[in-house]
Amino acid sequence: MGFFEFGKIKKQSDEDTYMKLDLQAYEGGTDEEEPATMYVKVASISDIKECPKIKDEIYNGNIVIVDVTKLKTDKIMFGRVMGDLRSVAHDVNGDIIGLGDQRYVIVVPTGIRISREKICGY
């Protein structure tokens, strides 16, 4: 079926416009599992009680990408968690930034700065 159906213009749906991507096909590293000096860790947080695990990773020199979507319904908890993450970034002389409609927060350790300049898009 095309864009036209019996003389009427057919609207394209998002499903017609975007192709599905299988990002797992691009994942993977080297065959040899050598330890790294720094890791990029991913976390999802829904309560302040989960902050110590994230803070430990940052204190250990890792980059952490935190999904804060679950906190969006509780403004007070969101503020407390963000204050905690901002504090740890300051403690280690790192950096913190919100990303993706404020759904994600990236916290980086000592020696790393997050550029606020966009490379392309957005």
PDB file of N, CA and C in Angstrom:
ATOM      1  N   MET A   1       0.831  -1.171   0.000  1.00  0.00           N
ATOM      2  CA  MET A   1       0.000   0.000   0.000  1.00  0.00           C
ATOM      3  C   MET A   1       0.876   1.235   0.000  1.00  0.00           C
ATOM      4  N   GLY A   2       0.524   2.242  -0.743  1.00  0.00           N
ATOM      5  CA  GLY A   2       1.323   3.451  -0.832  1.00  0.00           C
ATOM      6  C   GLY A   2       0.757   4.557   0.016  1.00  0.00           C
ATOM      7  N   PHE A   3       1.130   5.769  -0.381  1.00  0.00           N
ATOM      8  CA  PHE A   3       0.647   6.941   0.336  1.00  0.00           C
ATOM      9  C   PHE A   3      -0.797   7.260  -0.040  1.00  0.00           C
ATOM     10  N   PHE A   4      -1.218   6.794  -1.200  1.00  0.00           N
ATOM     11  CA  PHE A   4      -2.573   7.084  -1.658  1.00  0.00           C
ATOM     12  C   PHE A   4      -3.420   5.826  -1.567  1.00  0.00           C
ATOM     13  N   GLU A   5      -4.614   6.002  -1.096  1.00  0.00           N
ATOM     14  CA  GLU A   5      -5.517   4.863  -0.984  1.00  0.00           C
ATOM     15  C   GLU A   5      -6.885   5.325  -1.461  1.00  0.00           C
ATOM     16  N   PHE A   6      -7.301   4.833  -2.617  1.00  0.00           N
ATOM     17  CA  PHE A   6      -8.590   5.183  -3.209  1.00  0.00           C
ATOM     18  C   PHE A   6      -8.768   6.697  -3.342  1.00  0.00           C
ATOM     19  N   GLY A   7      -7.739   7.381  -3.836  1.00  0.00           N
ATOM     20  CA  GLY A   7      -7.845   8.801  -4.093  1.00  0.00           C
ATOM     21  C   GLY A   7      -7.644   9.681  -2.868  1.00  0.00           C
ATOM     22  N   LYS A   8      -7.472   9.107  -1.692  1.00  0.00           N
ATOM     23  CA  LYS A   8      -7.256   9.880  -0.467  1.00  0.00           C
ATOM     24  C   LYS A   8      -5.793   9.781  -0.070  1.00  0.00           C
ATOM     25  N   ILE A   9      -5.298  10.820   0.552  1.00  0.00           N
ATOM     26  CA  ILE A   9      -3.919  10.806   1.022  1.00  0.00           C
ATOM     27  C   ILE A   9      -3.875  10.043   2.339  1.00  0.00           C
ATOM     28  N   LYS A  10      -2.963   9.090   2.400  1.00  0.00           N
ATOM     29  CA  LYS A  10      -2.792   8.286   3.610  1.00  0.00           C
ATOM     30  C   LYS A  10      -1.716   8.928   4.469  1.00  0.00           C
ATOM     31  N   LYS A  11      -2.020   9.159   5.730  1.00  0.00           N
ATOM     32  CA  LYS A  11      -1.029   9.705   6.656  1.00  0.00           C
ATOM     33  C   LYS A  11      -0.024   8.633   7.015  1.00  0.00           C
ATOM     34  N   GLN A  12       1.250   9.057   7.144  1.00  0.00           N
ATOM     35  CA  GLN A  12       2.274   8.124   7.586  1.00  0.00           C
ATOM     36  C   GLN A  12       2.251   8.050   9.101  1.00  0.00           C
ATOM     37  N   SER A  13       2.305   6.857   9.609  1.00  0.00           N
ATOM     38  CA  SER A  13       2.393   6.690  11.062  1.00  0.00           C
ATOM     39  C   SER A  13       3.862   6.671  11.448  1.00  0.00           C
ATOM     40  N   ASP A  14       4.130   6.813  12.738  1.00  0.00           N
ATOM     41  CA  ASP A  14       5.505   6.735  13.225  1.00  0.00           C
ATOM     42  C   ASP A  14       6.136   5.406  12.842  1.00  0.00           C
ATOM     43  N   GLU A  15       5.311   4.359  12.827  1.00  0.00           N
ATOM     44  CA  GLU A  15       5.812   3.036  12.492  1.00  0.00           C
ATOM     45  C   GLU A  15       6.298   2.987  11.052  1.00  0.00           C
ATOM     46  N   ASP A  16       5.620   3.725  10.136  1.00  0.00           N
ATOM     47  CA  ASP A  16       6.039   3.783   8.739  1.00  0.00           C
ATOM     48  C   ASP A  16       7.290   4.632   8.571  1.00  0.00           C
ATOM     49  N   THR A  17       7.437   5.657   9.406  1.00  0.00           N
ATOM     50  CA  THR A  17       8.513   6.624   9.267  1.00  0.00           C
ATOM     51  C   THR A  17       9.834   6.124   9.826  1.00  0.00           C
ATOM     52  N   TYR A  18       9.817   5.466  10.956  1.00  0.00           N
ATOM     53  CA  TYR A  18      11.032   5.042  11.635  1.00  0.00           C
ATOM     54  C   TYR A  18      11.260   3.555  11.461  1.00  0.00           C
ATOM     55  N   MET A  19      12.524   3.195  11.282  1.00  0.00           N
ATOM     56  CA  MET A  19      12.826   1.774  11.215  1.00  0.00           C
ATOM     57  C   MET A  19      13.254   1.294  12.594  1.00  0.00           C
ATOM     58  N   LYS A  20      13.012   0.050  12.871  1.00  0.00           N
ATOM     59  CA  LYS A  20      13.396  -0.517  14.154  1.00  0.00           C
ATOM     60  C   LYS A  20      14.870  -0.862  14.110  1.00  0.00           C
ATOM     61  N   LEU A  21      15.566  -0.499  15.174  1.00  0.00           N
ATOM     62  CA  LEU A  21      16.996  -0.751  15.245  1.00  0.00           C
ATOM     63  C   LEU A  21      17.289  -1.838  16.262  1.00  0.00           C
ATOM     64  N   ASP A  22      18.230  -2.682  15.927  1.00  0.00           N
ATOM     65  CA  ASP A  22      18.690  -3.701  16.853  1.00  0.00           C
ATOM     66  C   ASP A  22      20.081  -3.288  17.319  1.00  0.00           C
ATOM     67  N   LEU A  23      20.131  -2.515  18.400  1.00  0.00           N
ATOM     68  CA  LEU A  23      21.404  -2.007  18.890  1.00  0.00           C
ATOM     69  C   LEU A  23      22.271  -3.101  19.485  1.00  0.00           C
ATOM     70  N   GLN A  24      21.682  -4.215  19.871  1.00  0.00           N
ATOM     71  CA  GLN A  24      22.462  -5.318  20.435  1.00  0.00           C
ATOM     72  C   GLN A  24      23.449  -5.877  19.417  1.00  0.00           C
ATOM     73  N   ALA A  25      23.143  -5.726  18.133  1.00  0.00           N
ATOM     74  CA  ALA A  25      24.045  -6.211  17.098  1.00  0.00           C
ATOM     75  C   ALA A  25      25.360  -5.430  17.106  1.00  0.00           C
ATOM     76  N   TYR A  26      25.354  -4.226  17.668  1.00  0.00           N
ATOM     77  CA  TYR A  26      26.543  -3.386  17.699  1.00  0.00           C
ATOM     78  C   TYR A  26      27.258  -3.427  19.044  1.00  0.00           C
ATOM     79  N   GLU A  27      26.676  -4.090  20.013  1.00  0.00           N
ATOM     80  CA  GLU A  27      27.271  -4.156  21.338  1.00  0.00           C
ATOM     81  C   GLU A  27      28.412  -5.151  21.376  1.00  0.00           C
ATOM     82  N   GLY A  28      29.223  -4.994  22.376  1.00  0.00           N
ATOM     83  CA  GLY A  28      30.310  -5.945  22.576  1.00  0.00           C
ATOM     84  C   GLY A  28      31.626  -5.211  22.655  1.00  0.00           C
ATOM     85  N   GLY A  29      32.586  -5.885  23.152  1.00  0.00           N
ATOM     86  CA  GLY A  29      33.910  -5.307  23.278  1.00  0.00           C
ATOM     87  C   GLY A  29      34.922  -6.220  22.632  1.00  0.00           C
ATOM     88  N   THR A  30      36.083  -6.226  23.185  1.00  0.00           N
ATOM     89  CA  THR A  30      37.114  -7.110  22.682  1.00  0.00           C
ATOM     90  C   THR A  30      36.864  -8.517  23.200  1.00  0.00           C
ATOM     91  N   ASP A  31      37.484  -9.461  22.562  1.00  0.00           N
ATOM     92  CA  ASP A  31      37.345 -10.854  23.002  1.00  0.00           C
ATOM     93  C   ASP A  31      37.982 -11.067  24.365  1.00  0.00           C
ATOM     94  N   GLU A  32      39.039 -10.327  24.633  1.00  0.00           N
ATOM     95  CA  GLU A  32      39.729 -10.455  25.910  1.00  0.00           C
ATOM     96  C   GLU A  32      39.122  -9.481  26.910  1.00  0.00           C
ATOM     97  N   GLU A  33      38.743  -9.960  28.058  1.00  0.00           N
ATOM     98  CA  GLU A  33      38.169  -9.116  29.096  1.00  0.00           C
ATOM     99  C   GLU A  33      39.273  -8.569  29.997  1.00  0.00           C
ATOM    100  N   GLU A  34      39.850  -7.462  29.580  1.00  0.00           N
ATOM    101  CA  GLU A  34      40.879  -6.822  30.385  1.00  0.00           C
ATOM    102  C   GLU A  34      40.219  -5.794  31.291  1.00  0.00           C
ATOM    103  N   PRO A  35      40.671  -5.684  32.517  1.00  0.00           N
ATOM    104  CA  PRO A  35      40.094  -4.679  33.412  1.00  0.00           C
ATOM    105  C   PRO A  35      40.402  -3.270  32.910  1.00  0.00           C
ATOM    106  N   ALA A  36      39.471  -2.372  33.099  1.00  0.00           N
ATOM    107  CA  ALA A  36      39.641  -0.985  32.679  1.00  0.00           C
ATOM    108  C   ALA A  36      39.900  -0.116  33.905  1.00  0.00           C
ATOM    109  N   THR A  37      40.422   1.063  33.680  1.00  0.00           N
ATOM    110  CA  THR A  37      40.644   1.988  34.789  1.00  0.00           C
ATOM    111  C   THR A  37      39.370   2.744  35.130  1.00  0.00           C
ATOM    112  N   MET A  38      38.430   2.804  34.183  1.00  0.00           N
ATOM    113  CA  MET A  38      37.172   3.511  34.388  1.00  0.00           C
ATOM    114  C   MET A  38      36.067   2.793  33.615  1.00  0.00           C
ATOM    115  N   TYR A  39      34.886   2.766  34.189  1.00  0.00           N
ATOM    116  CA  TYR A  39      33.733   2.152  33.534  1.00  0.00           C
ATOM    117  C   TYR A  39      32.619   3.170  33.406  1.00  0.00           C
ATOM    118  N   VAL A  40      31.751   2.960  32.428  1.00  0.00           N
ATOM    119  CA  VAL A  40      30.505   3.713  32.316  1.00  0.00           C
ATOM    120  C   VAL A  40      29.433   2.789  32.874  1.00  0.00           C
ATOM    121  N   LYS A  41      28.796   3.226  33.953  1.00  0.00           N
ATOM    122  CA  LYS A  41      27.771   2.419  34.611  1.00  0.00           C
ATOM    123  C   LYS A  41      26.403   3.053  34.360  1.00  0.00           C
ATOM    124  N   VAL A  42      25.369   2.235  34.359  1.00  0.00           N
ATOM    125  CA  VAL A  42      24.003   2.697  34.130  1.00  0.00           C
ATOM    126  C   VAL A  42      23.171   2.321  35.348  1.00  0.00           C
ATOM    127  N   ALA A  43      22.366   3.278  35.821  1.00  0.00           N
ATOM    128  CA  ALA A  43      21.516   3.035  36.991  1.00  0.00           C
ATOM    129  C   ALA A  43      20.140   3.646  36.765  1.00  0.00           C
ATOM    130  N   SER A  44      19.167   3.080  37.429  1.00  0.00           N
ATOM    131  CA  SER A  44      17.816   3.636  37.474  1.00  0.00           C
ATOM    132  C   SER A  44      17.514   3.848  38.952  1.00  0.00           C
ATOM    133  N   ILE A  45      17.034   5.025  39.296  1.00  0.00           N
ATOM    134  CA  ILE A  45      16.837   5.347  40.710  1.00  0.00           C
ATOM    135  C   ILE A  45      15.388   5.744  40.960  1.00  0.00           C
ATOM    136  N   SER A  46      14.851   5.269  42.076  1.00  0.00           N
ATOM    137  CA  SER A  46      13.475   5.612  42.435  1.00  0.00           C
ATOM    138  C   SER A  46      13.364   6.122  43.868  1.00  0.00           C
ATOM    139  N   ASP A  47      14.495   6.087  44.620  1.00  0.00           N
ATOM    140  CA  ASP A  47      14.453   6.494  46.018  1.00  0.00           C
ATOM    141  C   ASP A  47      15.837   6.955  46.456  1.00  0.00           C
ATOM    142  N   ILE A  48      15.892   7.828  47.435  1.00  0.00           N
ATOM    143  CA  ILE A  48      17.152   8.352  47.970  1.00  0.00           C
ATOM    144  C   ILE A  48      18.014   7.231  48.557  1.00  0.00           C
ATOM    145  N   LYS A  49      17.382   6.136  48.981  1.00  0.00           N
ATOM    146  CA  LYS A  49      18.119   5.011  49.573  1.00  0.00           C
ATOM    147  C   LYS A  49      19.058   4.339  48.573  1.00  0.00           C
ATOM    148  N   GLU A  50      18.824   4.562  47.283  1.00  0.00           N
ATOM    149  CA  GLU A  50      19.667   3.968  46.247  1.00  0.00           C
ATOM    150  C   GLU A  50      20.876   4.835  45.905  1.00  0.00           C
ATOM    151  N   CYS A  51      20.913   6.044  46.422  1.00  0.00           N
ATOM    152  CA  CYS A  51      22.008   6.970  46.124  1.00  0.00           C
ATOM    153  C   CYS A  51      23.392   6.473  46.555  1.00  0.00           C
ATOM    154  N   PRO A  52      23.540   5.832  47.720  1.00  0.00           N
ATOM    155  CA  PRO A  52      24.887   5.405  48.119  1.00  0.00           C
ATOM    156  C   PRO A  52      25.583   4.491  47.107  1.00  0.00           C
ATOM    157  N   LYS A  53      24.845   3.607  46.445  1.00  0.00           N
ATOM    158  CA  LYS A  53      25.443   2.731  45.434  1.00  0.00           C
ATOM    159  C   LYS A  53      25.984   3.555  44.267  1.00  0.00           C
ATOM    160  N   ILE A  54      25.210   4.536  43.849  1.00  0.00           N
ATOM    161  CA  ILE A  54      25.618   5.394  42.738  1.00  0.00           C
ATOM    162  C   ILE A  54      26.820   6.245  43.149  1.00  0.00           C
ATOM    163  N   LYS A  55      26.755   6.794  44.355  1.00  0.00           N
ATOM    164  CA  LYS A  55      27.858   7.614  44.852  1.00  0.00           C
ATOM    165  C   LYS A  55      29.146   6.808  44.961  1.00  0.00           C
ATOM    166  N   ASP A  56      29.062   5.560  45.409  1.00  0.00           N
ATOM    167  CA  ASP A  56      30.240   4.699  45.494  1.00  0.00           C
ATOM    168  C   ASP A  56      30.901   4.535  44.130  1.00  0.00           C
ATOM    169  N   GLU A  57      30.100   4.351  43.101  1.00  0.00           N
ATOM    170  CA  GLU A  57      30.648   4.194  41.751  1.00  0.00           C
ATOM    171  C   GLU A  57      31.389   5.455  41.310  1.00  0.00           C
ATOM    172  N   ILE A  58      30.830   6.606  41.621  1.00  0.00           N
ATOM    173  CA  ILE A  58      31.478   7.866  41.247  1.00  0.00           C
ATOM    174  C   ILE A  58      32.758   8.064  42.059  1.00  0.00           C
ATOM    175  N   TYR A  59      32.709   7.771  43.347  1.00  0.00           N
ATOM    176  CA  TYR A  59      33.917   7.859  44.176  1.00  0.00           C
ATOM    177  C   TYR A  59      34.995   6.887  43.696  1.00  0.00           C
ATOM    178  N   ASN A  60      34.588   5.766  43.104  1.00  0.00           N
ATOM    179  CA  ASN A  60      35.540   4.798  42.563  1.00  0.00           C
ATOM    180  C   ASN A  60      36.070   5.195  41.184  1.00  0.00           C
ATOM    181  N   GLY A  61      35.646   6.358  40.686  1.00  0.00           N
ATOM    182  CA  GLY A  61      36.180   6.874  39.426  1.00  0.00           C
ATOM    183  C   GLY A  61      35.411   6.482  38.189  1.00  0.00           C
ATOM    184  N   ASN A  62      34.188   5.991  38.340  1.00  0.00           N
ATOM    185  CA  ASN A  62      33.384   5.590  37.187  1.00  0.00           C
ATOM    186  C   ASN A  62      32.404   6.681  36.783  1.00  0.00           C
ATOM    187  N   ILE A  63      32.010   6.645  35.521  1.00  0.00           N
ATOM    188  CA  ILE A  63      30.976   7.532  34.989  1.00  0.00           C
ATOM    189  C   ILE A  63      29.643   6.819  35.192  1.00  0.00           C
ATOM    190  N   VAL A  64      28.632   7.545  35.672  1.00  0.00           N
ATOM    191  CA  VAL A  64      27.333   6.918  35.909  1.00  0.00           C
ATOM    192  C   VAL A  64      26.243   7.685  35.160  1.00  0.00           C
ATOM    193  N   ILE A  65      25.460   6.953  34.382  1.00  0.00           N
ATOM    194  CA  ILE A  65      24.286   7.492  33.699  1.00  0.00           C
ATOM    195  C   ILE A  65      23.082   7.014  34.492  1.00  0.00           C
ATOM    196  N   VAL A  66      22.328   7.960  35.047  1.00  0.00           N
ATOM    197  CA  VAL A  66      21.224   7.630  35.953  1.00  0.00           C
ATOM    198  C   VAL A  66      19.894   7.976  35.300  1.00  0.00           C
ATOM    199  N   ASP A  67      19.011   6.993  35.214  1.00  0.00           N
ATOM    200  CA  ASP A  67      17.644   7.208  34.739  1.00  0.00           C
ATOM    201  C   ASP A  67      16.822   7.685  35.937  1.00  0.00           C
ATOM    202  N   VAL A  68      16.351   8.932  35.885  1.00  0.00           N
ATOM    203  CA  VAL A  68      15.593   9.512  36.998  1.00  0.00           C
ATOM    204  C   VAL A  68      14.098   9.598  36.689  1.00  0.00           C
ATOM    205  N   THR A  69      13.649   8.890  35.662  1.00  0.00           N
ATOM    206  CA  THR A  69      12.244   8.937  35.244  1.00  0.00           C
ATOM    207  C   THR A  69      11.293   8.587  36.379  1.00  0.00           C
ATOM    208  N   LYS A  70      11.640   7.602  37.203  1.00  0.00           N
ATOM    209  CA  LYS A  70      10.764   7.166  38.292  1.00  0.00           C
ATOM    210  C   LYS A  70      10.603   8.235  39.375  1.00  0.00           C
ATOM    211  N   LEU A  71      11.490   9.217  39.395  1.00  0.00           N
ATOM    212  CA  LEU A  71      11.414  10.281  40.402  1.00  0.00           C
ATOM    213  C   LEU A  71      10.533  11.445  39.961  1.00  0.00           C
ATOM    214  N   LYS A  72      10.134  11.474  38.719  1.00  0.00           N
ATOM    215  CA  LYS A  72       9.395  12.614  38.181  1.00  0.00           C
ATOM    216  C   LYS A  72       8.047  12.837  38.863  1.00  0.00           C
ATOM    217  N   THR A  73       7.507  11.816  39.499  1.00  0.00           N
ATOM    218  CA  THR A  73       6.201  11.967  40.142  1.00  0.00           C
ATOM    219  C   THR A  73       6.311  12.522  41.560  1.00  0.00           C
ATOM    220  N   ASP A  74       7.522  12.534  42.108  1.00  0.00           N
ATOM    221  CA  ASP A  74       7.734  13.009  43.478  1.00  0.00           C
ATOM    222  C   ASP A  74       8.776  14.125  43.462  1.00  0.00           C
ATOM    223  N   LYS A  75       8.306  15.346  43.421  1.00  0.00           N
ATOM    224  CA  LYS A  75       9.193  16.507  43.293  1.00  0.00           C
ATOM    225  C   LYS A  75      10.173  16.625  44.464  1.00  0.00           C
ATOM    226  N   ILE A  76       9.729  16.295  45.650  1.00  0.00           N
ATOM    227  CA  ILE A  76      10.596  16.398  46.837  1.00  0.00           C
ATOM    228  C   ILE A  76      11.718  15.361  46.757  1.00  0.00           C
ATOM    229  N   MET A  77      11.370  14.116  46.428  1.00  0.00           N
ATOM    230  CA  MET A  77      12.376  13.066  46.308  1.00  0.00           C
ATOM    231  C   MET A  77      13.338  13.385  45.169  1.00  0.00           C
ATOM    232  N   PHE A  78      12.808  13.910  44.067  1.00  0.00           N
ATOM    233  CA  PHE A  78      13.645  14.292  42.935  1.00  0.00           C
ATOM    234  C   PHE A  78      14.678  15.332  43.378  1.00  0.00           C
ATOM    235  N   GLY A  79      14.237  16.333  44.122  1.00  0.00           N
ATOM    236  CA  GLY A  79      15.146  17.373  44.615  1.00  0.00           C
ATOM    237  C   GLY A  79      16.213  16.826  45.553  1.00  0.00           C
ATOM    238  N   ARG A  80      15.832  15.905  46.408  1.00  0.00           N
ATOM    239  CA  ARG A  80      16.784  15.311  47.359  1.00  0.00           C
ATOM    240  C   ARG A  80      17.846  14.475  46.628  1.00  0.00           C
ATOM    241  N   VAL A  81      17.396  13.670  45.682  1.00  0.00           N
ATOM    242  CA  VAL A  81      18.323  12.828  44.926  1.00  0.00           C
ATOM    243  C   VAL A  81      19.259  13.692  44.091  1.00  0.00           C
ATOM    244  N   MET A  82      18.700  14.694  43.423  1.00  0.00           N
ATOM    245  CA  MET A  82      19.538  15.567  42.591  1.00  0.00           C
ATOM    246  C   MET A  82      20.545  16.324  43.449  1.00  0.00           C
ATOM    247  N   GLY A  83      20.139  16.745  44.628  1.00  0.00           N
ATOM    248  CA  GLY A  83      21.059  17.410  45.546  1.00  0.00           C
ATOM    249  C   GLY A  83      22.195  16.480  45.963  1.00  0.00           C
ATOM    250  N   ASP A  84      21.856  15.228  46.222  1.00  0.00           N
ATOM    251  CA  ASP A  84      22.855  14.227  46.592  1.00  0.00           C
ATOM    252  C   ASP A  84      23.850  13.981  45.449  1.00  0.00           C
ATOM    253  N   LEU A  85      23.329  13.854  44.224  1.00  0.00           N
ATOM    254  CA  LEU A  85      24.201  13.616  43.072  1.00  0.00           C
ATOM    255  C   LEU A  85      25.066  14.831  42.770  1.00  0.00           C
ATOM    256  N   ARG A  86      24.490  16.009  42.892  1.00  0.00           N
ATOM    257  CA  ARG A  86      25.259  17.240  42.681  1.00  0.00           C
ATOM    258  C   ARG A  86      26.371  17.345  43.721  1.00  0.00           C
ATOM    259  N   SER A  87      26.072  16.960  44.946  1.00  0.00           N
ATOM    260  CA  SER A  87      27.041  17.004  46.035  1.00  0.00           C
ATOM    261  C   SER A  87      28.223  16.066  45.782  1.00  0.00           C
ATOM    262  N   VAL A  88      27.948  14.850  45.323  1.00  0.00           N
ATOM    263  CA  VAL A  88      29.038  13.917  45.058  1.00  0.00           C
ATOM    264  C   VAL A  88      29.885  14.397  43.881  1.00  0.00           C
ATOM    265  N   ALA A  89      29.267  14.976  42.865  1.00  0.00           N
ATOM    266  CA  ALA A  89      30.033  15.517  41.734  1.00  0.00           C
ATOM    267  C   ALA A  89      30.963  16.624  42.222  1.00  0.00           C
ATOM    268  N   HIS A  90      30.470  17.464  43.125  1.00  0.00           N
ATOM    269  CA  HIS A  90      31.281  18.539  43.697  1.00  0.00           C
ATOM    270  C   HIS A  90      32.409  17.975  44.564  1.00  0.00           C
ATOM    271  N   ASP A  91      32.099  16.955  45.371  1.00  0.00           N
ATOM    272  CA  ASP A  91      33.091  16.337  46.260  1.00  0.00           C
ATOM    273  C   ASP A  91      34.299  15.789  45.506  1.00  0.00           C
ATOM    274  N   VAL A  92      34.051  15.192  44.348  1.00  0.00           N
ATOM    275  CA  VAL A  92      35.142  14.568  43.589  1.00  0.00           C
ATOM    276  C   VAL A  92      35.689  15.492  42.508  1.00  0.00           C
ATOM    277  N   ASN A  93      35.234  16.755  42.523  1.00  0.00           N
ATOM    278  CA  ASN A  93      35.622  17.719  41.491  1.00  0.00           C
ATOM    279  C   ASN A  93      35.276  17.184  40.100  1.00  0.00           C
ATOM    280  N   GLY A  94      34.077  16.597  40.002  1.00  0.00           N
ATOM    281  CA  GLY A  94      33.584  16.052  38.740  1.00  0.00           C
ATOM    282  C   GLY A  94      32.582  16.994  38.109  1.00  0.00           C
ATOM    283  N   ASP A  95      31.590  16.433  37.434  1.00  0.00           N
ATOM    284  CA  ASP A  95      30.598  17.238  36.739  1.00  0.00           C
ATOM    285  C   ASP A  95      29.284  16.461  36.681  1.00  0.00           C
ATOM    286  N   ILE A  96      28.189  17.177  36.459  1.00  0.00           N
ATOM    287  CA  ILE A  96      26.858  16.562  36.377  1.00  0.00           C
ATOM    288  C   ILE A  96      26.036  17.343  35.361  1.00  0.00           C
ATOM    289  N   ILE A  97      25.210  16.624  34.603  1.00  0.00           N
ATOM    290  CA  ILE A  97      24.354  17.282  33.610  1.00  0.00           C
ATOM    291  C   ILE A  97      23.095  16.441  33.395  1.00  0.00           C
ATOM    292  N   GLY A  98      21.980  17.118  33.112  1.00  0.00           N
ATOM    293  CA  GLY A  98      20.740  16.450  32.747  1.00  0.00           C
ATOM    294  C   GLY A  98      20.724  16.233  31.244  1.00  0.00           C
ATOM    295  N   LEU A  99      20.080  15.166  30.817  1.00  0.00           N
ATOM    296  CA  LEU A  99      20.085  14.807  29.405  1.00  0.00           C
ATOM    297  C   LEU A  99      18.746  14.195  29.021  1.00  0.00           C
ATOM    298  N   GLY A 100      18.324  14.405  27.789  1.00  0.00           N
ATOM    299  CA  GLY A 100      17.132  13.734  27.271  1.00  0.00           C
ATOM    300  C   GLY A 100      15.859  14.132  27.963  1.00  0.00           C
ATOM    301  N   ASP A 101      15.453  15.394  27.833  1.00  0.00           N
ATOM    302  CA  ASP A 101      14.245  15.893  28.499  1.00  0.00           C
ATOM    303  C   ASP A 101      14.287  15.643  29.998  1.00  0.00           C
ATOM    304  N   GLN A 102      15.496  15.746  30.551  1.00  0.00           N
ATOM    305  CA  GLN A 102      15.722  15.567  31.989  1.00  0.00           C
ATOM    306  C   GLN A 102      15.303  14.184  32.479  1.00  0.00           C
ATOM    307  N   ARG A 103      15.366  13.194  31.607  1.00  0.00           N
ATOM    308  CA  ARG A 103      15.095  11.808  32.007  1.00  0.00           C
ATOM    309  C   ARG A 103      16.344  11.136  32.531  1.00  0.00           C
ATOM    310  N   TYR A 104      17.487  11.637  32.110  1.00  0.00           N
ATOM    311  CA  TYR A 104      18.759  11.044  32.499  1.00  0.00           C
ATOM    312  C   TYR A 104      19.673  12.098  33.096  1.00  0.00           C
ATOM    313  N   VAL A 105      20.526  11.660  33.995  1.00  0.00           N
ATOM    314  CA  VAL A 105      21.543  12.512  34.585  1.00  0.00           C
ATOM    315  C   VAL A 105      22.866  11.776  34.409  1.00  0.00           C
ATOM    316  N   ILE A 106      23.873  12.487  33.967  1.00  0.00           N
ATOM    317  CA  ILE A 106      25.198  11.906  33.828  1.00  0.00           C
ATOM    318  C   ILE A 106      26.086  12.546  34.880  1.00  0.00           C
ATOM    319  N   VAL A 107      26.749  11.708  35.667  1.00  0.00           N
ATOM    320  CA  VAL A 107      27.664  12.184  36.707  1.00  0.00           C
ATOM    321  C   VAL A 107      29.036  11.603  36.390  1.00  0.00           C
ATOM    322  N   VAL A 108      30.033  12.491  36.322  1.00  0.00           N
ATOM    323  CA  VAL A 108      31.390  12.047  35.991  1.00  0.00           C
ATOM    324  C   VAL A 108      32.345  12.397  37.123  1.00  0.00           C
ATOM    325  N   PRO A 109      33.403  11.604  37.281  1.00  0.00           N
ATOM    326  CA  PRO A 109      34.350  11.810  38.379  1.00  0.00           C
ATOM    327  C   PRO A 109      35.436  12.830  38.049  1.00  0.00           C
ATOM    328  N   THR A 110      36.416  12.897  38.922  1.00  0.00           N
ATOM    329  CA  THR A 110      37.555  13.788  38.811  1.00  0.00           C
ATOM    330  C   THR A 110      38.200  13.711  37.434  1.00  0.00           C
ATOM    331  N   GLY A 111      38.580  14.865  36.930  1.00  0.00           N
ATOM    332  CA  GLY A 111      39.335  14.914  35.684  1.00  0.00           C
ATOM    333  C   GLY A 111      38.496  14.888  34.427  1.00  0.00           C
ATOM    334  N   ILE A 112      37.182  14.799  34.549  1.00  0.00           N
ATOM    335  CA  ILE A 112      36.312  14.765  33.369  1.00  0.00           C
ATOM    336  C   ILE A 112      35.335  15.929  33.460  1.00  0.00           C
ATOM    337  N   ARG A 113      35.155  16.633  32.362  1.00  0.00           N
ATOM    338  CA  ARG A 113      34.165  17.699  32.266  1.00  0.00           C
ATOM    339  C   ARG A 113      33.185  17.342  31.155  1.00  0.00           C
ATOM    340  N   ILE A 114      31.934  17.695  31.336  1.00  0.00           N
ATOM    341  CA  ILE A 114      30.899  17.456  30.339  1.00  0.00           C
ATOM    342  C   ILE A 114      30.698  18.749  29.562  1.00  0.00           C
ATOM    343  N   SER A 115      30.911  18.692  28.272  1.00  0.00           N
ATOM    344  CA  SER A 115      30.719  19.864  27.422  1.00  0.00           C
ATOM    345  C   SER A 115      29.223  20.139  27.277  1.00  0.00           C
ATOM    346  N   ARG A 116      28.859  21.385  27.343  1.00  0.00           N
ATOM    347  CA  ARG A 116      27.459  21.781  27.141  1.00  0.00           C
ATOM    348  C   ARG A 116      27.197  22.130  25.684  1.00  0.00           C
ATOM    349  N   GLU A 117      28.227  22.036  24.836  1.00  0.00           N
ATOM    350  CA  GLU A 117      28.096  22.317  23.414  1.00  0.00           C
ATOM    351  C   GLU A 117      27.534  21.097  22.692  1.00  0.00           C
ATOM    352  N   LYS A 118      26.589  21.302  21.822  1.00  0.00           N
ATOM    353  CA  LYS A 118      26.024  20.210  21.046  1.00  0.00           C
ATOM    354  C   LYS A 118      26.897  19.994  19.809  1.00  0.00           C
ATOM    355  N   ILE A 119      27.198  18.749  19.509  1.00  0.00           N
ATOM    356  CA  ILE A 119      27.997  18.431  18.318  1.00  0.00           C
ATOM    357  C   ILE A 119      27.115  18.566  17.077  1.00  0.00           C
ATOM    358  N   CYS A 120      25.918  17.985  17.124  1.00  0.00           N
ATOM    359  CA  CYS A 120      24.970  18.112  16.027  1.00  0.00           C
ATOM    360  C   CYS A 120      23.580  17.782  16.548  1.00  0.00           C
ATOM    361  N   GLY A 121      22.570  18.141  15.796  1.00  0.00           N
ATOM    362  CA  GLY A 121      21.200  17.835  16.173  1.00  0.00           C
ATOM    363  C   GLY A 121      20.668  18.688  17.302  1.00  0.00           C
ATOM    364  N   TYR A 122      19.608  18.219  17.883  1.00  0.00           N
ATOM    365  CA  TYR A 122      18.900  18.873  18.994  1.00  0.00           C
ATOM    366  C   TYR A 122      18.457  20.229  18.561  1.00  0.00           C
TER     367      TYR A 122
END
